[in-house]
N, C-alpha and C. Protein backbone atom coordinates (compact mmCIF):
# COMPACT_ATOMS: atom_id res chain seq x y z
N UNK A 1 115.54 90.31 143.76
CA UNK A 1 114.36 90.89 142.80
C UNK A 1 114.69 92.38 143.07
N UNK A 2 114.83 93.25 142.10
CA UNK A 2 114.98 94.84 142.21
C UNK A 2 113.74 95.27 141.80
N UNK A 3 113.08 96.07 142.73
CA UNK A 3 111.87 97.00 142.44
C UNK A 3 112.17 98.30 142.26
N UNK A 4 111.49 98.92 141.51
CA UNK A 4 111.57 100.49 141.47
C UNK A 4 110.41 101.03 141.38
N UNK A 5 110.04 102.19 142.01
CA UNK A 5 109.17 103.04 142.22
C UNK A 5 109.17 104.38 142.08
N UNK A 6 108.58 105.22 141.34
CA UNK A 6 108.75 106.57 141.40
C UNK A 6 107.36 107.34 141.24
N UNK A 7 107.19 108.24 141.99
CA UNK A 7 105.69 108.95 141.84
C UNK A 7 106.07 110.18 141.08
N UNK A 8 105.31 110.29 140.14
CA UNK A 8 105.34 111.61 139.19
C UNK A 8 104.22 112.32 139.30
N UNK A 9 104.24 113.64 139.34
CA UNK A 9 103.01 114.56 139.61
C UNK A 9 102.83 114.75 138.03
N UNK A 10 101.64 114.37 137.37
CA UNK A 10 101.10 114.57 136.05
C UNK A 10 101.22 116.03 135.61
N UNK A 11 101.14 116.92 136.58
CA UNK A 11 101.26 118.45 136.22
C UNK A 11 102.73 118.83 136.03
N UNK A 12 103.72 117.89 136.28
CA UNK A 12 105.02 118.18 135.70
C UNK A 12 105.43 117.79 134.27
N UNK A 13 104.48 117.09 133.73
CA UNK A 13 104.67 116.81 132.25
C UNK A 13 104.51 117.99 131.29
N UNK A 14 105.32 117.90 130.54
CA UNK A 14 105.24 118.97 129.56
C UNK A 14 105.63 118.42 128.05
N UNK A 15 105.05 118.95 127.01
CA UNK A 15 105.25 118.51 125.74
C UNK A 15 106.82 118.82 125.56
N UNK A 16 107.46 118.00 124.81
CA UNK A 16 108.80 118.04 124.27
C UNK A 16 108.92 119.31 123.12
N UNK A 17 109.70 119.99 123.22
CA UNK A 17 109.71 121.30 122.23
C UNK A 17 110.07 120.84 120.83
N UNK A 18 109.70 121.11 119.90
CA UNK A 18 109.90 120.78 118.52
C UNK A 18 111.49 121.14 118.28
N UNK A 19 112.10 120.27 117.69
CA UNK A 19 113.49 120.48 117.06
C UNK A 19 113.55 121.67 116.23
N UNK A 20 114.88 122.12 116.25
CA UNK A 20 115.07 123.04 114.91
C UNK A 20 115.70 122.45 113.79
N UNK A 21 115.97 121.39 113.96
CA UNK A 21 117.02 120.51 112.83
C UNK A 21 115.88 120.14 111.70
N UNK A 22 115.93 120.62 110.76
CA UNK A 22 114.68 120.26 109.69
C UNK A 22 115.13 118.89 108.87
N UNK A 23 116.49 118.64 109.06
CA UNK A 23 116.92 117.41 108.45
C UNK A 23 116.65 116.10 109.22
N UNK A 24 116.03 116.40 110.37
CA UNK A 24 115.61 115.25 111.38
C UNK A 24 114.00 114.98 111.20
N UNK A 25 113.33 115.51 110.25
CA UNK A 25 112.07 115.31 110.08
C UNK A 25 111.68 113.78 109.56
N UNK A 26 110.54 113.13 110.02
CA UNK A 26 110.07 111.97 109.67
C UNK A 26 108.64 112.43 108.94
N UNK A 27 108.76 112.71 107.75
CA UNK A 27 107.54 113.49 107.13
C UNK A 27 107.02 113.10 105.85
N UNK A 28 105.94 112.90 105.53
CA UNK A 28 105.37 112.67 103.94
C UNK A 28 104.37 114.03 103.80
N UNK A 29 105.12 114.86 102.83
CA UNK A 29 104.05 115.94 102.42
C UNK A 29 103.57 115.82 101.12
N UNK A 30 102.17 116.22 101.11
CA UNK A 30 101.48 116.60 99.71
C UNK A 30 101.09 117.99 99.75
N UNK A 31 101.78 118.68 98.73
CA UNK A 31 101.50 120.08 98.42
C UNK A 31 100.13 120.01 97.49
N UNK A 32 99.22 120.68 97.68
CA UNK A 32 97.97 120.69 96.97
C UNK A 32 97.71 122.17 96.46
N UNK A 33 98.00 122.33 95.30
CA UNK A 33 98.09 123.87 94.67
C UNK A 33 96.87 123.95 93.71
N UNK A 34 96.06 125.05 93.83
CA UNK A 34 95.11 125.59 92.88
C UNK A 34 95.73 126.01 91.91
N UNK A 35 95.43 125.77 90.68
CA UNK A 35 96.04 126.24 89.27
C UNK A 35 95.10 126.77 88.49
N UNK A 36 93.84 126.99 88.95
CA UNK A 36 92.73 127.72 88.18
C UNK A 36 93.19 129.15 87.79
N UNK A 37 92.53 129.76 87.03
CA UNK A 37 92.95 131.26 86.58
C UNK A 37 93.06 132.12 87.65
N UNK A 38 92.14 131.81 88.62
CA UNK A 38 92.16 132.89 89.97
C UNK A 38 93.47 132.72 90.57
N UNK A 39 94.28 131.87 90.42
CA UNK A 39 95.79 131.85 91.01
C UNK A 39 96.70 132.69 90.40
N UNK A 40 96.49 132.96 89.10
CA UNK A 40 97.58 133.68 88.16
C UNK A 40 98.70 132.98 88.22
N UNK A 41 99.43 133.35 86.90
CA UNK A 41 100.72 132.68 86.77
C UNK A 41 101.71 133.42 88.03
N UNK A 42 101.61 134.53 88.35
CA UNK A 42 102.50 134.99 89.28
C UNK A 42 102.26 134.56 90.55
N UNK A 43 100.85 134.19 90.81
CA UNK A 43 100.60 133.53 91.95
C UNK A 43 101.38 132.21 92.28
N UNK A 44 101.20 131.37 91.10
CA UNK A 44 101.83 130.06 91.00
C UNK A 44 103.38 130.23 91.05
N UNK A 45 104.06 131.25 90.72
CA UNK A 45 105.33 131.30 90.65
C UNK A 45 105.71 131.77 92.34
N UNK A 46 104.85 132.35 92.93
CA UNK A 46 105.14 132.73 94.31
C UNK A 46 104.91 131.49 95.14
N UNK A 47 103.93 130.39 94.71
CA UNK A 47 103.73 129.25 95.35
C UNK A 47 105.06 128.25 95.18
N UNK A 48 105.75 128.27 93.96
CA UNK A 48 106.82 127.53 93.56
C UNK A 48 107.81 127.83 94.74
N UNK A 49 108.03 129.21 94.68
CA UNK A 49 108.91 129.70 95.26
C UNK A 49 108.95 129.40 97.10
N UNK A 50 107.66 129.54 97.46
CA UNK A 50 107.17 129.21 98.95
C UNK A 50 107.61 127.83 99.09
N UNK A 51 107.23 126.87 98.28
CA UNK A 51 107.31 125.49 98.42
C UNK A 51 108.79 124.99 98.57
N UNK A 52 109.59 125.51 97.38
CA UNK A 52 110.73 125.07 97.56
C UNK A 52 111.47 125.76 98.73
N UNK A 53 111.18 126.84 99.32
CA UNK A 53 111.85 127.51 100.58
C UNK A 53 111.48 126.56 101.78
N UNK A 54 110.26 126.17 101.81
CA UNK A 54 109.83 125.31 102.83
C UNK A 54 110.78 124.17 103.10
N UNK A 55 111.18 123.31 101.89
CA UNK A 55 111.88 122.20 101.90
C UNK A 55 113.52 122.21 101.83
N UNK A 56 113.83 123.67 101.60
CA UNK A 56 115.48 123.65 101.32
C UNK A 56 115.94 124.06 102.46
N UNK A 57 115.46 123.89 103.71
CA UNK A 57 116.10 124.57 104.91
C UNK A 57 116.76 123.26 105.71
N UNK A 58 117.65 122.72 104.90
CA UNK A 58 118.30 121.47 105.60
C UNK A 58 117.47 120.17 105.72
N UNK A 59 116.40 120.13 104.90
CA UNK A 59 115.46 118.97 105.06
C UNK A 59 116.12 117.98 103.97
N UNK A 60 116.24 116.72 104.34
CA UNK A 60 116.60 115.59 103.42
C UNK A 60 115.22 115.21 102.75
N UNK A 61 115.51 115.50 101.42
CA UNK A 61 114.19 115.16 100.52
C UNK A 61 114.40 113.73 99.76
N UNK A 62 113.55 112.83 99.80
CA UNK A 62 113.63 111.44 99.23
C UNK A 62 113.85 110.42 100.32
N UNK A 63 114.39 109.26 99.90
CA UNK A 63 114.50 108.19 100.75
C UNK A 63 115.97 107.35 100.43
N UNK A 64 116.78 108.17 99.70
CA UNK A 64 117.91 107.58 99.27
C UNK A 64 119.14 107.91 100.46
N UNK A 65 118.82 107.65 101.74
CA UNK A 65 119.72 108.20 102.69
C UNK A 65 119.86 106.69 103.69
N UNK A 66 120.91 106.54 104.24
CA UNK A 66 121.04 105.69 105.15
C UNK A 66 120.39 106.12 106.56
N UNK A 67 120.40 106.96 106.90
CA UNK A 67 119.54 107.54 107.94
C UNK A 67 118.02 107.66 107.43
N UNK A 68 117.05 106.99 108.00
CA UNK A 68 115.73 106.96 107.82
C UNK A 68 114.96 108.27 107.80
N UNK A 69 115.65 109.39 108.57
CA UNK A 69 114.82 110.45 108.98
C UNK A 69 115.17 111.51 107.48
N UNK A 70 113.71 111.46 106.99
CA UNK A 70 113.85 112.00 105.62
C UNK A 70 112.49 112.42 105.48
N UNK A 71 112.09 113.38 104.22
CA UNK A 71 111.12 113.90 104.18
C UNK A 71 110.74 113.38 102.57
N UNK A 72 109.32 113.03 102.28
CA UNK A 72 108.99 112.97 100.93
C UNK A 72 107.96 114.01 100.57
N UNK A 73 108.16 114.62 99.43
CA UNK A 73 107.20 115.61 98.61
C UNK A 73 106.55 115.15 97.73
N UNK A 74 105.29 115.34 97.63
CA UNK A 74 104.43 115.10 96.60
C UNK A 74 103.77 116.23 96.18
N UNK A 75 103.35 116.65 94.83
CA UNK A 75 102.77 117.77 94.34
C UNK A 75 101.52 117.56 93.51
N UNK A 76 100.48 118.03 94.01
CA UNK A 76 99.13 117.93 93.51
C UNK A 76 98.68 119.21 93.04
N UNK A 77 98.07 119.18 91.62
CA UNK A 77 97.35 120.45 91.27
C UNK A 77 95.94 120.47 91.02
N UNK A 78 95.06 121.20 91.26
CA UNK A 78 93.66 121.34 90.98
C UNK A 78 92.97 122.35 90.49
N UNK A 79 91.84 122.22 89.60
CA UNK A 79 90.98 123.32 89.30
C UNK A 79 89.79 122.61 89.34
N UNK A 80 89.12 122.25 88.20
CA UNK A 80 87.74 121.50 88.10
C UNK A 80 88.09 119.98 88.36
N UNK A 81 89.34 119.73 88.11
CA UNK A 81 89.62 118.25 88.36
C UNK A 81 91.17 118.44 89.06
N UNK A 82 91.64 117.26 89.62
CA UNK A 82 92.88 117.16 90.24
C UNK A 82 93.87 116.18 89.41
N UNK A 83 95.21 116.61 89.67
CA UNK A 83 96.12 115.92 88.85
C UNK A 83 97.32 115.66 89.94
N UNK A 84 97.90 114.48 89.90
CA UNK A 84 99.13 114.32 90.62
C UNK A 84 100.21 114.48 89.79
N UNK A 85 101.17 115.68 89.81
CA UNK A 85 102.17 116.20 89.36
C UNK A 85 103.40 115.42 89.59
N UNK A 86 103.53 114.91 90.98
CA UNK A 86 104.79 114.20 91.45
C UNK A 86 104.24 113.42 92.55
N UNK A 87 104.49 112.36 92.48
CA UNK A 87 104.23 111.17 93.59
C UNK A 87 105.08 111.40 94.93
N UNK A 88 104.97 110.56 95.81
CA UNK A 88 105.74 110.67 97.02
C UNK A 88 107.17 110.34 96.81
N UNK A 89 107.55 109.41 95.65
CA UNK A 89 108.92 108.83 95.52
C UNK A 89 109.55 109.86 94.34
N UNK A 90 108.90 110.72 93.76
CA UNK A 90 109.56 111.26 92.57
C UNK A 90 110.84 112.03 93.06
N UNK A 91 110.72 113.07 93.95
CA UNK A 91 111.73 113.82 94.45
C UNK A 91 112.56 112.93 95.30
N UNK A 92 113.79 112.88 95.05
CA UNK A 92 114.99 112.21 95.64
C UNK A 92 116.08 113.06 96.20
N UNK A 93 115.93 114.62 95.94
CA UNK A 93 116.87 115.56 96.43
C UNK A 93 116.25 116.92 95.98
N UNK A 94 116.95 117.78 96.72
CA UNK A 94 116.29 119.13 96.33
C UNK A 94 116.55 119.53 94.93
N UNK A 95 117.54 119.11 94.05
CA UNK A 95 117.62 119.31 92.65
C UNK A 95 116.45 119.02 92.04
N UNK A 96 115.85 117.85 92.28
CA UNK A 96 114.61 117.32 91.86
C UNK A 96 113.37 118.08 92.00
N UNK A 97 113.36 118.63 93.27
CA UNK A 97 112.40 119.54 93.60
C UNK A 97 112.36 120.89 92.91
N UNK A 98 113.52 121.54 92.62
CA UNK A 98 113.73 122.70 92.02
C UNK A 98 113.37 122.44 90.47
N UNK A 99 113.85 121.30 89.74
CA UNK A 99 113.90 121.10 88.39
C UNK A 99 112.44 120.82 88.09
N UNK A 100 111.52 120.44 89.09
CA UNK A 100 110.15 120.13 88.71
C UNK A 100 109.04 120.98 89.11
N UNK A 101 109.35 121.48 90.34
CA UNK A 101 108.13 122.40 91.04
C UNK A 101 107.74 123.56 90.12
N UNK A 102 108.89 124.22 89.78
CA UNK A 102 109.06 125.60 88.89
C UNK A 102 108.05 125.24 87.65
N UNK A 103 108.66 124.24 86.58
CA UNK A 103 107.78 124.03 85.50
C UNK A 103 106.45 123.57 85.90
N UNK A 104 106.16 122.96 86.73
CA UNK A 104 104.88 122.29 86.96
C UNK A 104 104.06 123.49 87.30
N UNK A 105 104.49 124.38 87.91
CA UNK A 105 103.86 125.61 88.55
C UNK A 105 103.89 126.82 87.56
N UNK A 106 104.09 126.79 86.33
CA UNK A 106 104.51 127.84 85.56
C UNK A 106 103.45 128.56 84.77
N UNK A 107 102.19 127.81 84.85
CA UNK A 107 101.01 128.47 84.18
C UNK A 107 99.64 128.00 84.63
N UNK A 108 98.73 128.74 84.66
CA UNK A 108 97.61 128.42 85.01
C UNK A 108 96.87 127.50 84.08
N UNK A 109 95.68 126.80 84.68
CA UNK A 109 94.77 126.18 83.76
C UNK A 109 93.95 127.00 83.08
N UNK A 110 93.25 126.42 81.97
CA UNK A 110 92.27 127.21 81.37
C UNK A 110 90.88 127.53 81.79
N UNK A 111 90.84 127.05 82.93
CA UNK A 111 89.55 126.99 83.53
C UNK A 111 89.46 128.09 84.90
N UNK A 112 88.29 128.64 85.16
CA UNK A 112 88.19 129.45 86.47
C UNK A 112 87.64 128.73 87.77
N UNK A 113 87.16 127.24 87.26
CA UNK A 113 86.70 126.56 88.52
C UNK A 113 87.79 125.88 89.39
N UNK A 114 87.44 125.92 90.61
CA UNK A 114 88.44 125.52 91.53
C UNK A 114 87.63 124.76 92.73
N UNK A 115 88.07 123.52 92.85
CA UNK A 115 87.28 122.48 93.82
C UNK A 115 88.36 122.06 94.55
N UNK A 116 88.40 122.70 95.70
CA UNK A 116 89.54 122.26 96.94
C UNK A 116 89.10 120.53 97.06
N UNK A 117 88.07 120.17 97.03
CA UNK A 117 87.69 118.88 97.58
C UNK A 117 88.34 117.91 96.57
N UNK A 118 88.43 118.16 95.31
CA UNK A 118 89.01 117.42 94.30
C UNK A 118 90.54 117.30 94.61
N UNK A 119 91.07 118.35 95.15
CA UNK A 119 92.66 118.30 95.31
C UNK A 119 92.86 117.35 96.63
N UNK A 120 91.88 117.61 97.67
CA UNK A 120 92.32 116.87 98.80
C UNK A 120 92.03 115.63 98.66
N UNK A 121 91.03 115.06 97.72
CA UNK A 121 90.82 113.76 97.39
C UNK A 121 91.86 113.09 96.76
N UNK A 122 92.69 113.82 95.90
CA UNK A 122 93.70 113.26 95.30
C UNK A 122 94.99 113.17 96.17
N UNK A 123 95.13 114.00 97.15
CA UNK A 123 96.18 114.13 98.15
C UNK A 123 96.12 112.71 98.98
N UNK A 124 94.69 112.41 99.18
CA UNK A 124 94.42 111.06 100.08
C UNK A 124 95.05 109.95 99.28
N UNK A 125 94.71 110.14 98.09
CA UNK A 125 95.28 108.98 97.21
C UNK A 125 96.67 108.79 96.95
N UNK A 126 97.30 109.97 96.86
CA UNK A 126 98.92 109.99 96.96
C UNK A 126 99.35 109.35 98.07
N UNK A 127 98.82 109.77 99.18
CA UNK A 127 99.24 109.16 100.62
C UNK A 127 99.21 107.76 100.41
N UNK A 128 97.87 107.11 100.08
CA UNK A 128 97.53 105.69 100.11
C UNK A 128 98.53 105.11 99.08
N UNK A 129 98.81 105.56 97.96
CA UNK A 129 99.66 104.86 97.02
C UNK A 129 101.05 104.97 97.54
N UNK A 130 101.45 105.98 98.31
CA UNK A 130 102.88 106.14 98.77
C UNK A 130 103.22 105.08 99.84
N UNK A 131 102.22 104.51 100.37
CA UNK A 131 102.34 103.58 101.48
C UNK A 131 102.69 102.19 100.86
N UNK A 132 102.50 101.85 99.56
CA UNK A 132 102.66 100.88 98.69
C UNK A 132 104.31 100.52 98.70
N UNK A 133 104.67 99.49 99.31
CA UNK A 133 106.00 99.24 99.09
C UNK A 133 107.13 99.93 99.84
N UNK A 134 106.57 100.64 100.75
CA UNK A 134 107.48 101.45 101.62
C UNK A 134 107.28 101.11 102.91
N UNK A 135 108.13 101.48 103.92
CA UNK A 135 108.26 101.22 105.35
C UNK A 135 108.15 102.49 106.10
N UNK A 136 106.90 103.16 105.76
CA UNK A 136 106.81 104.46 106.35
C UNK A 136 105.67 104.90 106.90
N UNK A 137 104.98 103.65 107.40
CA UNK A 137 103.83 103.90 108.27
C UNK A 137 103.76 104.66 109.40
N UNK A 138 105.21 104.85 110.06
CA UNK A 138 105.21 105.73 111.40
C UNK A 138 105.49 107.03 110.90
N UNK A 139 105.74 107.52 109.80
CA UNK A 139 105.93 108.84 109.38
C UNK A 139 104.85 109.76 109.33
N UNK A 140 104.79 110.83 109.98
CA UNK A 140 103.78 111.86 109.95
C UNK A 140 103.63 112.50 108.66
N UNK A 141 102.24 112.72 108.45
CA UNK A 141 101.64 113.06 107.15
C UNK A 141 101.27 114.55 107.15
N UNK A 142 101.32 115.47 106.17
CA UNK A 142 100.95 116.75 106.38
C UNK A 142 100.38 117.25 104.89
N UNK A 143 99.58 117.98 104.72
CA UNK A 143 99.02 118.44 103.59
C UNK A 143 99.10 120.04 103.64
N UNK A 144 99.87 120.66 102.68
CA UNK A 144 99.96 122.00 102.57
C UNK A 144 99.04 122.38 101.42
N UNK A 145 98.14 123.18 101.60
CA UNK A 145 97.03 123.87 100.72
C UNK A 145 97.49 125.32 100.30
N UNK A 146 97.55 125.40 98.82
CA UNK A 146 97.78 126.76 98.44
C UNK A 146 96.54 126.98 97.52
N UNK A 147 95.70 127.91 97.93
CA UNK A 147 94.44 128.15 97.15
C UNK A 147 94.26 129.50 96.78
N UNK A 148 93.55 129.88 95.82
CA UNK A 148 93.35 131.35 95.30
C UNK A 148 92.07 131.80 96.02
N UNK A 149 91.17 130.93 96.33
CA UNK A 149 90.00 131.35 97.25
C UNK A 149 89.23 130.25 97.74
N UNK A 150 88.51 130.53 98.52
CA UNK A 150 87.42 129.09 99.22
C UNK A 150 86.24 129.69 99.51
N UNK A 151 85.25 128.97 98.85
CA UNK A 151 83.58 129.17 99.06
C UNK A 151 83.27 127.79 99.50
N UNK A 152 82.39 127.84 100.53
CA UNK A 152 81.74 126.80 101.27
C UNK A 152 80.69 126.72 100.39
N UNK A 153 80.42 125.53 99.78
CA UNK A 153 78.94 125.34 99.11
C UNK A 153 79.08 124.05 98.34
N UNK A 154 77.90 123.29 98.54
CA UNK A 154 77.68 122.19 97.73
C UNK A 154 78.47 120.93 98.04
N UNK A 155 78.42 120.04 97.05
CA UNK A 155 79.04 118.75 96.97
C UNK A 155 80.62 118.79 97.07
N UNK A 156 81.05 119.90 96.77
CA UNK A 156 82.72 120.20 96.45
C UNK A 156 83.08 120.85 97.86
N UNK A 157 82.49 121.27 98.69
CA UNK A 157 83.01 121.68 99.99
C UNK A 157 83.58 120.57 100.86
N UNK A 158 84.92 120.60 101.04
CA UNK A 158 85.83 119.59 101.69
C UNK A 158 84.99 119.19 102.88
N UNK A 159 84.22 120.12 103.71
CA UNK A 159 83.90 119.84 104.86
C UNK A 159 82.60 119.10 104.89
N UNK A 160 82.03 118.98 103.56
CA UNK A 160 80.66 118.24 103.50
C UNK A 160 80.74 116.97 103.47
C-alpha cells in the first residue's frame, strides 16, 4: 500500500492567470445591441466593428472543428422589442461573422424606445435554445451589451 500525504498552505493558492491564446476559448457569447434611434447608424457601425474585432483575434468561431475549444457567437438586437438576428449556430467562421454582423447592424430601427430588459430576456432564450442538441454545457457564457443609454425605471429595468 502506498500512501501519499502533502501539506499545503491555503495562502499559497493563487488563481491561474488567464491565457493569451484566444483560440483556446470555451465560450458562448450573445451580443445584445440596442438598435433604437438613440444608437445612430454610425454608432451601430462602430458596434459592428468592435464586435468583429473582439472575435477576430485568433478565436475559432463555430463548432466545425476537431478541437472542441471554440466560441459560438449570437446576435440579438433590441429597441421596444427584441429580435434574434443570429442564433449560436449561425456563425461557423469569421467570414460568416463579417458577412452578417455589418448588414444586421447597418441601420437603426424606427423607434426611440430602448428596453434593455427585452434584449437580455432574448439573450437568455438564445442560450437556452443553444443548449438543445449540443454538448456545450461546460462552456462559459458571456453577454456583451451595447447600449445607447440606460435608465433604471419600471418593469423594463433589468434589475427589477
